C-alpha atoms as a PDB file:
ATOM      1  CA  MET A   1      66.928-100.952  75.875  1.00  0.00           C
ATOM      2  CA  SER A   2      66.572-102.530  79.277  1.00  0.00           C
ATOM      3  CA  ILE A   3      67.184-100.848  82.604  1.00  0.00           C
ATOM      4  CA  HIS A   4      69.497-102.409  85.137  1.00  0.00           C
ATOM      5  CA  PRO A   5      67.534-102.873  88.395  1.00  0.00           C
ATOM      6  CA  ASN A   6      70.349-101.442  90.543  1.00  0.00           C
ATOM      7  CA  LEU A   7      70.674 -98.179  88.598  1.00  0.00           C
ATOM      8  CA  GLY A   8      69.114 -95.111  90.144  1.00  0.00           C
ATOM      9  CA  HIS A   9      66.744 -94.567  93.003  1.00  0.00           C
ATOM     10  CA  PRO A  10      63.421 -96.466  92.694  1.00  0.00           C
ATOM     11  CA  ALA A  11      61.531 -93.174  92.483  1.00  0.00           C
ATOM     12  CA  LYS A  12      63.608 -92.252  89.411  1.00  0.00           C
ATOM     13  CA  GLN A  13      63.077 -95.585  87.617  1.00  0.00           C
ATOM     14  CA  GLY A  14      59.956 -94.316  85.831  1.00  0.00           C
ATOM     15  CA  PHE A  15      61.769 -91.300  84.454  1.00  0.00           C
ATOM     16  CA  LEU A  16      64.745 -93.449  83.459  1.00  0.00           C
ATOM     17  CA  ALA A  17      62.429 -95.880  81.665  1.00  0.00           C
ATOM     18  CA  GLY A  18      60.827 -92.980  79.768  1.00  0.00           C
ATOM     19  CA  TYR A  19      64.245 -91.560  78.892  1.00  0.00           C
ATOM     20  CA  MET A  20      65.409 -94.932  77.563  1.00  0.00           C
ATOM     21  CA  ASP A  21      62.193 -95.289  75.527  1.00  0.00           C
ATOM     22  CA  THR A  22      62.799 -91.848  74.021  1.00  0.00           C
ATOM     23  CA  LEU A  23      66.387 -92.712  73.071  1.00  0.00           C
ATOM     24  CA  SER A  24      65.224 -95.911  71.447  1.00  0.00           C
ATOM     25  CA  LEU A  25      62.438 -94.106  69.573  1.00  0.00           C
ATOM     26  CA  VAL A  26      64.766 -91.414  68.207  1.00  0.00           C
ATOM     27  CA  GLU A  27      67.103 -94.117  66.907  1.00  0.00           C
ATOM     28  CA  ARG A  28      64.205 -96.054  65.301  1.00  0.00           C
ATOM     29  CA  LEU A  29      62.778 -92.896  63.726  1.00  0.00           C
ATOM     30  CA  HIS A  30      66.129 -92.086  62.114  1.00  0.00           C
ATOM     31  CA  ARG A  31      66.364 -95.584  60.625  1.00  0.00           C
ATOM     32  CA  LEU A  32      62.727 -95.395  59.492  1.00  0.00           C
ATOM     33  CA  VAL A  33      63.144 -92.089  57.676  1.00  0.00           C
ATOM     34  CA  LEU A  34      66.096 -93.608  55.802  1.00  0.00           C
ATOM     35  CA  ASP A  35      63.930 -96.630  54.899  1.00  0.00           C
ATOM     36  CA  VAL A  36      61.121 -94.339  53.718  1.00  0.00           C
ATOM     37  CA  ILE A  37      63.556 -92.438  51.469  1.00  0.00           C
ATOM     38  CA  LYS A  38      65.002 -95.716  50.164  1.00  0.00           C
ATOM     39  CA  ASP A  39      61.522 -96.997  49.313  1.00  0.00           C
ATOM     40  CA  GLU A  40      60.668 -93.748  47.520  1.00  0.00           C
ATOM     41  CA  PHE A  41      63.851 -93.969  45.465  1.00  0.00           C
ATOM     42  CA  GLU A  42      63.072 -97.557  44.514  1.00  0.00           C
ATOM     43  CA  ARG A  43      59.591 -96.423  43.474  1.00  0.00           C
ATOM     44  CA  VAL A  44      60.897 -93.627  41.225  1.00  0.00           C
ATOM     45  CA  GLY A  45      63.873 -95.631  39.903  1.00  0.00           C
ATOM     46  CA  VAL A  46      66.763 -93.805  41.563  1.00  0.00           C
ATOM     47  CA  ILE A  47      69.420 -96.437  42.243  1.00  0.00           C
ATOM     48  CA  GLU A  48      72.834 -94.769  42.422  1.00  0.00           C
ATOM     49  CA  VAL A  49      72.132 -92.605  45.491  1.00  0.00           C
ATOM     50  CA  ASN A  50      71.432 -94.118  48.891  1.00  0.00           C
ATOM     51  CA  ALA A  51      69.126 -92.641  51.522  1.00  0.00           C
ATOM     52  CA  VAL A  52      71.942 -91.093  53.585  1.00  0.00           C
ATOM     53  CA  GLN A  53      73.308 -89.368  50.487  1.00  0.00           C
ATOM     54  CA  ALA A  54      69.825 -88.179  49.486  1.00  0.00           C
ATOM     55  CA  LEU A  55      69.272 -86.702  52.947  1.00  0.00           C
ATOM     56  CA  LEU A  56      72.675 -85.011  52.681  1.00  0.00           C
ATOM     57  CA  LEU A  57      71.633 -83.429  49.355  1.00  0.00           C
ATOM     58  CA  PHE A  58      68.320 -82.357  50.881  1.00  0.00           C
ATOM     59  CA  ASN A  59      70.024 -80.768  53.896  1.00  0.00           C
ATOM     60  CA  ILE A  60      72.545 -78.876  51.778  1.00  0.00           C
ATOM     61  CA  GLY A  61      69.753 -77.438  49.648  1.00  0.00           C
ATOM     62  CA  GLU A  62      70.809 -74.229  47.906  1.00  0.00           C
ATOM     63  CA  ASN A  63      73.744 -73.637  50.251  1.00  0.00           C
ATOM     64  CA  GLU A  64      77.426 -73.856  49.458  1.00  0.00           C
ATOM     65  CA  VAL A  65      79.122 -75.627  52.373  1.00  0.00           C
ATOM     66  CA  THR A  66      82.211 -77.444  53.573  1.00  0.00           C
ATOM     67  CA  ALA A  67      82.267 -80.881  55.162  1.00  0.00           C
ATOM     68  CA  GLY A  68      83.237 -79.171  58.412  1.00  0.00           C
ATOM     69  CA  GLU A  69      80.119 -77.010  58.320  1.00  0.00           C
ATOM     70  CA  LEU A  70      77.917 -80.076  57.863  1.00  0.00           C
ATOM     71  CA  LYS A  71      79.637 -81.751  60.822  1.00  0.00           C
ATOM     72  CA  SER A  72      79.364 -78.648  62.994  1.00  0.00           C
ATOM     73  CA  ARG A  73      75.635 -78.412  62.255  1.00  0.00           C
ATOM     74  CA  GLY A  74      75.396 -81.892  63.704  1.00  0.00           C
ATOM     75  CA  TYR A  75      74.071 -83.581  60.571  1.00  0.00           C
ATOM     76  CA  TYR A  76      76.889 -86.056  59.967  1.00  0.00           C
ATOM     77  CA  GLN A  77      79.964 -87.702  61.415  1.00  0.00           C
ATOM     78  CA  GLY A  78      83.394 -86.893  59.959  1.00  0.00           C
ATOM     79  CA  SER A  79      84.379 -89.874  57.836  1.00  0.00           C
ATOM     80  CA  ASN A  80      80.760 -90.509  56.868  1.00  0.00           C
ATOM     81  CA  VAL A  81      80.251 -87.018  55.449  1.00  0.00           C
ATOM     82  CA  SER A  82      83.632 -86.967  53.676  1.00  0.00           C
ATOM     83  CA  TYR A  83      83.000 -90.325  51.994  1.00  0.00           C
ATOM     84  CA  ASN A  84      79.473 -89.374  50.904  1.00  0.00           C
ATOM     85  CA  LEU A  85      80.488 -85.931  49.617  1.00  0.00           C
ATOM     86  CA  LYS A  86      83.271 -87.492  47.525  1.00  0.00           C
ATOM     87  CA  LYS A  87      80.892 -90.112  46.163  1.00  0.00           C
ATOM     88  CA  LEU A  88      78.270 -87.466  45.292  1.00  0.00           C
ATOM     89  CA  VAL A  89      80.884 -85.321  43.536  1.00  0.00           C
ATOM     90  CA  ASP A  90      82.128 -88.358  41.577  1.00  0.00           C
ATOM     91  CA  LEU A  91      78.543 -89.196  40.525  1.00  0.00           C
ATOM     92  CA  GLY A  92      77.864 -85.626  39.373  1.00  0.00           C
ATOM     93  CA  TYR A  93      75.388 -84.621  42.105  1.00  0.00           C
ATOM     94  CA  MET A  94      77.659 -81.932  43.525  1.00  0.00           C
ATOM     95  CA  HIS A  95      80.210 -79.371  42.368  1.00  0.00           C
ATOM     96  CA  HIS A  96      83.314 -78.909  44.483  1.00  0.00           C
ATOM     97  CA  GLN A  97      85.863 -76.136  44.619  1.00  0.00           C
ATOM     98  CA  ARG A  98      88.840 -75.415  46.849  1.00  0.00           C
ATOM     99  CA  CYS A  99      88.432 -72.348  49.029  1.00  0.00           C
ATOM    100  CA  GLU A 100      90.572 -69.414  47.935  1.00  0.00           C
ATOM    101  CA  ILE A 101      91.409 -68.465  51.535  1.00  0.00           C
ATOM    102  CA  ASP A 102      91.987 -71.940  53.035  1.00  0.00           C
ATOM    103  CA  ARG A 103      93.246 -74.256  50.283  1.00  0.00           C
ATOM    104  CA  ARG A 104      92.738 -77.297  52.558  1.00  0.00           C
ATOM    105  CA  SER A 105      88.999 -76.675  52.623  1.00  0.00           C
ATOM    106  CA  VAL A 106      86.645 -77.700  49.812  1.00  0.00           C
ATOM    107  CA  ARG A 107      83.255 -76.066  49.294  1.00  0.00           C
ATOM    108  CA  VAL A 108      80.457 -78.057  47.702  1.00  0.00           C
ATOM    109  CA  ARG A 109      77.093 -77.192  46.184  1.00  0.00           C
ATOM    110  CA  LEU A 110      74.454 -79.149  44.322  1.00  0.00           C
ATOM    111  CA  THR A 111      74.443 -79.613  40.574  1.00  0.00           C
ATOM    112  CA  GLN A 112      71.115 -79.736  38.743  1.00  0.00           C
ATOM    113  CA  LYS A 113      71.240 -83.516  39.162  1.00  0.00           C
ATOM    114  CA  GLY A 114      71.664 -83.012  42.927  1.00  0.00           C
ATOM    115  CA  ARG A 115      68.817 -80.497  43.044  1.00  0.00           C
ATOM    116  CA  ASP A 116      66.587 -83.054  41.306  1.00  0.00           C
ATOM    117  CA  ILE A 117      67.288 -85.562  44.116  1.00  0.00           C
ATOM    118  CA  ARG A 118      66.719 -82.836  46.716  1.00  0.00           C
ATOM    119  CA  ASP A 119      63.359 -82.121  45.100  1.00  0.00           C
ATOM    120  CA  VAL A 120      62.323 -85.802  45.237  1.00  0.00           C
ATOM    121  CA  VAL A 121      63.055 -85.881  48.973  1.00  0.00           C
ATOM    122  CA  GLY A 122      61.335 -82.525  49.496  1.00  0.00           C
ATOM    123  CA  ALA A 123      58.201 -83.716  47.675  1.00  0.00           C
ATOM    124  CA  LEU A 124      58.192 -86.888  49.780  1.00  0.00           C
ATOM    125  CA  PHE A 125      58.414 -84.886  53.026  1.00  0.00           C
ATOM    126  CA  LEU A 126      55.669 -82.526  51.824  1.00  0.00           C
ATOM    127  CA  ARG A 127      53.347 -85.452  51.063  1.00  0.00           C
ATOM    128  CA  HIS A 128      54.032 -86.884  54.515  1.00  0.00           C
ATOM    129  CA  ALA A 129      53.442 -83.559  56.255  1.00  0.00           C
ATOM    130  CA  ASP A 130      50.148 -83.096  54.420  1.00  0.00           C
ATOM    131  CA  ALA A 131      49.021 -86.665  55.196  1.00  0.00           C
ATOM    132  CA  MET A 132      49.941 -86.398  58.894  1.00  0.00           C
ATOM    133  CA  GLU A 133      48.044 -83.154  59.235  1.00  0.00           C
ATOM    134  CA  ASP A 134      45.029 -84.403  57.238  1.00  0.00           C
ATOM    135  CA  ARG A 135      44.799 -87.622  59.262  1.00  0.00           C
ATOM    136  CA  GLY A 136      45.282 -85.890  62.597  1.00  0.00           C
ATOM    137  CA  VAL A 137      48.512 -87.775  63.356  1.00  0.00           C
ATOM    138  CA  ILE A 138      49.997 -84.614  64.873  1.00  0.00           C
ATOM    139  CA  ASP A 139      49.133 -80.922  64.806  1.00  0.00           C
ATOM    140  CA  MET A 140      51.337 -77.832  64.893  1.00  0.00           C
ATOM    141  CA  ALA A 141      51.172 -77.575  68.680  1.00  0.00           C
ATOM    142  CA  GLY A 142      52.255 -81.210  68.991  1.00  0.00           C
ATOM    143  CA  LEU A 143      55.149 -80.684  66.596  1.00  0.00           C
ATOM    144  CA  ASP A 144      56.224 -77.570  68.498  1.00  0.00           C
ATOM    145  CA  HIS A 145      56.144 -79.490  71.790  1.00  0.00           C
ATOM    146  CA  VAL A 146      58.135 -82.465  70.449  1.00  0.00           C
ATOM    147  CA  THR A 147      60.661 -80.205  68.731  1.00  0.00           C
ATOM    148  CA  SER A 148      61.250 -77.994  71.765  1.00  0.00           C
ATOM    149  CA  SER A 149      61.648 -81.051  74.014  1.00  0.00           C
ATOM    150  CA  LEU A 150      64.170 -82.658  71.665  1.00  0.00           C
ATOM    151  CA  LYS A 151      66.084 -79.373  71.344  1.00  0.00           C
ATOM    152  CA  ARG A 152      66.376 -79.169  75.146  1.00  0.00           C
ATOM    153  CA  MET A 153      67.724 -82.739  75.200  1.00  0.00           C
ATOM    154  CA  GLU A 154      70.155 -81.824  72.415  1.00  0.00           C
ATOM    155  CA  ARG A 155      71.427 -78.827  74.419  1.00  0.00           C
ATOM    156  CA  PHE A 156      71.801 -81.023  77.514  1.00  0.00           C
ATOM    157  CA  TRP A 157      73.842 -83.643  75.627  1.00  0.00           C
ATOM    158  CA  THR A 158      75.963 -80.957  73.948  1.00  0.00           C
ATOM    159  CA  ASP A 159      76.708 -79.460  77.350  1.00  0.00           C
ATOM    160  CA  GLN A 160      77.686 -82.900  78.648  1.00  0.00           C
ATOM    161  CA  ILE A 161      80.249 -83.271  75.861  1.00  0.00           C
ATOM    162  CA  ARG A 162      81.618 -79.753  76.223  1.00  0.00           C
ATOM    163  CA  TYR A 163      81.799 -79.424  79.977  1.00  0.00           C
ATOM    164  CA  ILE A 164      82.091 -82.828  81.565  1.00  0.00           C
ATOM    165  CA  TYR A 165      84.528 -84.780  79.444  1.00  0.00           C
END
């Protein structure tokens, strides 16, 4: 991302450049984690589930949820989550059931096949966490600092959507 030279006061250009670098990094990291999952699935011979669907299964875990709950948690966009949930149900990775109270709402949970995919992703993340710690890539204090900074940015952006527009 490049910065337009006429945007912002010169004293703020450094902060703006850092902000733009952070945005770009977050986007790259998301794409990279999907590539890492895809590579792992190729390695273990899983071909019918893509990385986005695998991450969806991992995030659902042992919970029983609706598409709306996944969207409200901020994991997925509307049409994206609906399409992937339907696909995962059709492939036998998830059970679905209409809610008794609100018949328009469908609750989903993982089948054993879905839990197996969740476990592959979980084992991958565990190996990565162990390797990062062992190699000194980042320690707990560093993770806490990054996480708290990103959560503050998330709150700021959420406030911008709620209160400005």
